[in-house]
Protein backbone atom coordinates (compact mmCIF):
# COMPACT_ATOMS: atom_id res chain seq x y z
CA MET A 1 -145.19 199.81 26.41
CA HIS A 2 -143.17 196.85 25.29
CA ALA A 3 -140.25 195.46 27.20
CA ARG A 4 -137.03 195.51 25.27
CA SER A 5 -135.11 192.18 25.04
CA ASN A 6 -131.35 192.33 25.47
CA SER A 7 -130.69 188.76 24.28
CA LEU A 8 -128.47 188.37 21.22
CA LYS A 9 -129.01 185.57 18.72
CA GLY A 10 -126.08 183.49 17.38
CA PHE A 11 -123.73 180.62 18.17
CA THR A 12 -121.51 180.30 21.17
CA VAL A 13 -117.77 179.77 20.80
CA ALA A 14 -118.20 176.20 22.10
CA GLU A 15 -120.78 175.39 19.43
CA VAL A 16 -118.58 176.76 16.64
CA MET A 17 -115.56 174.81 17.94
CA LEU A 18 -117.63 171.61 18.11
CA VAL A 19 -118.70 171.97 14.46
CA ILE A 20 -115.13 172.75 13.35
CA GLY A 21 -113.89 169.69 15.26
CA LEU A 22 -116.46 167.42 13.60
CA ILE A 23 -115.56 168.74 10.14
CA ALA A 24 -111.86 168.18 10.85
CA LEU A 25 -112.55 164.61 12.06
CA LEU A 26 -114.58 163.75 8.95
CA GLY A 27 -111.96 165.34 6.72
CA GLY A 28 -109.19 163.32 8.38
CA MET A 29 -111.10 160.06 7.99
CA THR A 30 -111.73 160.81 4.31
CA ALA A 31 -108.06 161.66 3.73
CA VAL A 32 -106.91 158.36 5.29
CA GLU A 33 -109.35 156.36 3.18
CA GLY A 34 -108.26 158.25 0.07
CA PHE A 35 -104.61 157.46 0.80
CA ASN A 36 -105.47 153.77 1.31
CA ALA A 37 -107.27 153.70 -2.04
CA TYR A 38 -104.27 155.39 -3.68
CA ARG A 39 -101.82 152.81 -2.29
CA ARG A 40 -104.10 149.96 -3.36
CA ALA A 41 -104.33 151.45 -6.88
CA LEU A 42 -100.52 151.71 -7.09
CA THR A 43 -100.13 148.03 -6.16
CA ARG A 44 -102.82 146.99 -8.65
CA THR A 45 -101.10 149.02 -11.37
CA ASP A 46 -97.76 147.37 -10.53
CA ALA A 47 -99.40 143.93 -10.86
CA GLU A 48 -100.85 144.89 -14.24
CA ARG A 49 -97.47 146.20 -15.42
CA ILE A 50 -95.66 142.99 -14.41
CA PHE A 51 -98.41 140.94 -16.06
CA GLY A 52 -97.88 142.97 -19.25
CA LEU A 53 -94.09 142.55 -19.08
CA LEU A 54 -94.47 138.75 -18.75
CA ARG A 55 -96.86 138.67 -21.71
CA ARG A 56 -94.42 140.73 -23.78
CA ALA A 57 -91.51 138.39 -22.95
CA ARG A 58 -93.60 135.41 -24.04
CA SER A 59 -94.76 137.15 -27.21
CA ASP A 60 -91.20 138.15 -28.14
CA SER A 61 -90.11 134.52 -27.65
CA ILE A 62 -92.95 133.12 -29.77
CA HIS A 63 -92.29 135.55 -32.60
CA GLY A 64 -88.50 135.17 -32.52
CA VAL A 65 -87.89 138.85 -31.83
CA CYS A 66 -84.19 139.70 -31.72
CA LEU A 67 -83.73 142.96 -29.82
CA SER A 68 -79.93 142.92 -29.80
CA GLY A 69 -79.61 142.49 -33.56
CA THR A 70 -76.88 139.86 -33.09
CA CYS A 71 -79.04 136.73 -32.87
CA THR A 72 -78.20 133.74 -35.05
CA GLU A 73 -81.42 131.95 -34.03
CA SER A 74 -84.60 132.88 -32.16
CA PRO A 75 -83.62 133.97 -28.65
CA PHE A 76 -85.09 133.23 -25.26
CA HIS A 77 -86.81 136.11 -23.48
CA GLY A 78 -87.46 136.35 -19.77
CA VAL A 79 -88.35 138.51 -16.81
CA SER A 80 -86.11 138.86 -13.76
CA LEU A 81 -87.95 139.88 -10.60
CA SER A 82 -86.67 141.70 -7.53
CA ALA A 83 -88.49 143.17 -4.53
CA HIS A 84 -88.93 146.58 -6.15
CA GLY A 85 -88.84 145.94 -9.87
CA ALA A 86 -88.67 143.67 -12.87
CA THR A 87 -86.41 143.48 -15.91
CA LEU A 88 -87.37 142.17 -19.33
CA PHE A 89 -84.28 140.56 -20.83
CA GLU A 90 -83.11 138.67 -23.90
CA GLY A 91 -80.93 135.58 -23.46
CA SER A 92 -80.94 132.11 -21.98
CA ASP A 93 -80.50 133.45 -18.42
CA PHE A 94 -80.35 136.76 -16.61
CA LYS A 95 -76.63 136.58 -15.77
CA THR A 96 -75.45 136.12 -19.37
CA ARG A 97 -78.09 138.30 -21.07
CA SER A 98 -77.51 141.11 -23.52
CA GLN A 99 -77.83 144.01 -21.03
CA SER A 100 -78.06 146.66 -23.76
CA VAL A 101 -81.66 145.60 -24.56
CA ASP A 102 -82.93 145.29 -20.98
CA GLU A 103 -86.19 147.00 -20.18
CA THR A 104 -86.44 147.79 -16.47
CA LEU A 105 -89.68 148.39 -14.63
CA SER A 106 -89.60 150.14 -11.25
CA LEU A 107 -92.56 149.46 -9.00
CA GLU A 108 -94.50 152.35 -7.48
CA GLY A 109 -96.51 150.48 -4.83
CA THR A 110 -95.47 148.16 -2.04
CA GLY A 111 -93.32 145.92 -4.24
CA ILE A 112 -93.26 142.20 -4.86
CA ALA A 113 -94.16 140.20 -1.76
CA SER A 114 -92.91 136.91 -3.19
CA SER A 115 -91.83 135.32 -6.44
CA THR A 116 -90.22 132.16 -7.69
CA GLY A 117 -87.29 133.92 -9.34
CA ASP A 118 -86.56 134.61 -13.00
CA ILE A 119 -89.08 133.41 -15.57
CA LEU A 120 -87.78 132.35 -18.99
CA PHE A 121 -89.80 131.70 -22.15
CA ALA A 122 -88.59 129.34 -24.89
CA PRO A 123 -88.18 130.56 -28.47
CA LEU A 124 -91.05 129.86 -30.89
CA THR A 125 -93.14 127.85 -28.36
CA GLY A 126 -93.42 130.46 -25.59
CA LYS A 127 -93.31 127.74 -22.96
CA ALA A 128 -92.03 128.82 -19.56
CA ASP A 129 -89.09 127.09 -17.94
CA LYS A 130 -91.23 126.36 -14.82
CA ASP A 131 -94.52 127.05 -13.09
CA ALA A 132 -94.09 130.36 -11.29
CA THR A 133 -96.09 132.72 -9.10
CA VAL A 134 -95.50 136.40 -8.47
CA THR A 135 -97.40 137.96 -5.56
CA LEU A 136 -97.93 141.65 -4.89
CA ALA A 137 -99.76 142.63 -1.72
CA ASP A 138 -100.95 145.96 -0.41
CA PRO A 139 -100.94 146.73 3.33
CA TYR A 140 -104.73 146.49 3.50
CA GLY A 141 -105.26 142.81 2.75
CA ALA A 142 -105.51 142.70 -1.06
CA ARG A 143 -103.11 140.38 -2.88
CA TRP A 144 -102.55 140.06 -6.61
CA ASP A 145 -101.21 136.68 -7.77
CA ILE A 146 -99.70 136.39 -11.22
CA THR A 147 -99.31 132.75 -12.21
CA VAL A 148 -97.13 131.58 -15.09
CA TYR A 149 -97.67 127.99 -16.11
CA ALA A 150 -95.01 125.82 -17.78
CA SER A 151 -97.29 125.74 -20.85
CA GLY A 152 -96.71 129.50 -21.17
CA ALA A 153 -100.18 130.58 -20.05
CA ILE A 154 -100.20 133.62 -17.75
CA ASP A 155 -103.03 134.43 -15.34
CA MET A 156 -103.64 137.22 -12.82
CA SER A 157 -106.10 137.08 -9.95
CA LEU A 158 -107.05 139.24 -6.97
CA GLN A 159 -107.35 137.73 -3.51
CA ASP A 160 -109.07 140.36 -1.37
CA GLU A 161 -108.99 139.55 2.33
CA THR A 162 -110.72 142.81 3.29
CA ASP A 163 -114.22 141.55 2.45
């Protein structure tokens, strides 16, 4: 005759809880990293949008584009920068511009960390009124620098301090 075994096979409550805890921990770490990547992507996109706005202001100046329809000669075009946005404008300065043709850009990421103020491009030549730098930084160490040279050239570079 064979002895009957009363032992049951399966997992204990402690083992199941341990596995659930590990899955939750890994899921939480993945969610945090995903959020960090999302915030970094927003800041990069903001930098690209400001870069594009600066290029458009310069192009409009070079080609003598008159957005207001009231120009008697080729107008200046510029970009005014604030902590959370930028405005493409037509006119010799931001205070006396034709506000009806402003194009405003709201930033989605962390905003502009630093800038050298409004940037103005001369008609027909596209030269900037000064050398200027616009910096956008995410909270994780990456920094995008957009440099505008007095010659009118515009450059964007990434300085990643997380490596």
